[in-house]
Amino acid sequence: MHQTNIAFTSKKVQRNAKRTIFAIQMIYKIIANLFGRRPIQLL
């Protein structure tokens, strides 16, 4: 019962992490455009 709980939580965390990473990438792209640099250089 405890293990399935952890698995369920990790799935939620993974989904949230994907959203967070996507949001961070978008922010990096916006910052890169403002400074005239490519996101690759900032990362």
C-alpha atoms as a PDB file:
ATOM      1  CA  MET A   1       0.000   0.000   0.000  1.00  0.00           C
ATOM      2  CA  HIS A   2       2.826   2.375   0.860  1.00  0.00           C
ATOM      3  CA  GLN A   3       4.743   1.524  -2.332  1.00  0.00           C
ATOM      4  CA  THR A   4       1.770   2.237  -4.620  1.00  0.00           C
ATOM      5  CA  ASN A   5       1.360   5.580  -2.852  1.00  0.00           C
ATOM      6  CA  ILE A   6       4.972   6.480  -3.649  1.00  0.00           C
ATOM      7  CA  ALA A   7       4.527   5.380  -7.273  1.00  0.00           C
ATOM      8  CA  PHE A   8       1.400   7.514  -7.610  1.00  0.00           C
ATOM      9  CA  THR A   9       3.156  10.515  -6.088  1.00  0.00           C
ATOM     10  CA  SER A  10       6.196  10.124  -8.351  1.00  0.00           C
ATOM     11  CA  LYS A  11       3.907  10.053 -11.410  1.00  0.00           C
ATOM     12  CA  LYS A  12       2.357  13.319 -10.248  1.00  0.00           C
ATOM     13  CA  VAL A  13       5.806  14.786  -9.604  1.00  0.00           C
ATOM     14  CA  GLN A  14       7.004  13.729 -13.065  1.00  0.00           C
ATOM     15  CA  ARG A  15       4.015  15.444 -14.691  1.00  0.00           C
ATOM     16  CA  ASN A  16       4.608  18.596 -12.672  1.00  0.00           C
ATOM     17  CA  ALA A  17       8.323  18.469 -13.465  1.00  0.00           C
ATOM     18  CA  LYS A  18       7.589  18.275 -17.205  1.00  0.00           C
ATOM     19  CA  ARG A  19       5.337  21.326 -16.933  1.00  0.00           C
ATOM     20  CA  THR A  20       7.935  23.176 -14.865  1.00  0.00           C
ATOM     21  CA  ILE A  21      10.746  22.354 -17.306  1.00  0.00           C
ATOM     22  CA  PHE A  22       8.553  23.497 -20.213  1.00  0.00           C
ATOM     23  CA  ALA A  23       7.761  26.759 -18.407  1.00  0.00           C
ATOM     24  CA  ILE A  24      11.448  27.350 -17.602  1.00  0.00           C
ATOM     25  CA  GLN A  25      12.376  26.728 -21.253  1.00  0.00           C
ATOM     26  CA  MET A  26       9.744  29.268 -22.348  1.00  0.00           C
ATOM     27  CA  ILE A  27      11.104  31.834 -19.873  1.00  0.00           C
ATOM     28  CA  TYR A  28      14.654  31.180 -21.076  1.00  0.00           C
ATOM     29  CA  LYS A  29      13.533  31.732 -24.680  1.00  0.00           C
ATOM     30  CA  ILE A  30      11.867  35.032 -23.753  1.00  0.00           C
ATOM     31  CA  ILE A  31      14.969  36.186 -21.860  1.00  0.00           C
ATOM     32  CA  ALA A  32      17.157  35.064 -24.761  1.00  0.00           C
ATOM     33  CA  ASN A  33      15.058  37.100 -27.201  1.00  0.00           C
ATOM     34  CA  LEU A  34      15.277  40.153 -24.949  1.00  0.00           C
ATOM     35  CA  PHE A  35      19.062  39.916 -24.754  1.00  0.00           C
ATOM     36  CA  GLY A  36      19.466  38.821 -28.368  1.00  0.00           C
ATOM     37  CA  ARG A  37      21.034  35.502 -27.381  1.00  0.00           C
ATOM     38  CA  ARG A  38      20.083  31.943 -28.143  1.00  0.00           C
ATOM     39  CA  PRO A  39      18.591  29.782 -25.334  1.00  0.00           C
ATOM     40  CA  ILE A  40      21.403  27.242 -25.830  1.00  0.00           C
ATOM     41  CA  GLN A  41      23.997  29.829 -24.772  1.00  0.00           C
ATOM     42  CA  LEU A  42      22.030  30.712 -21.631  1.00  0.00           C
ATOM     43  CA  LEU A  43      21.558  27.073 -20.669  1.00  0.00           C
END
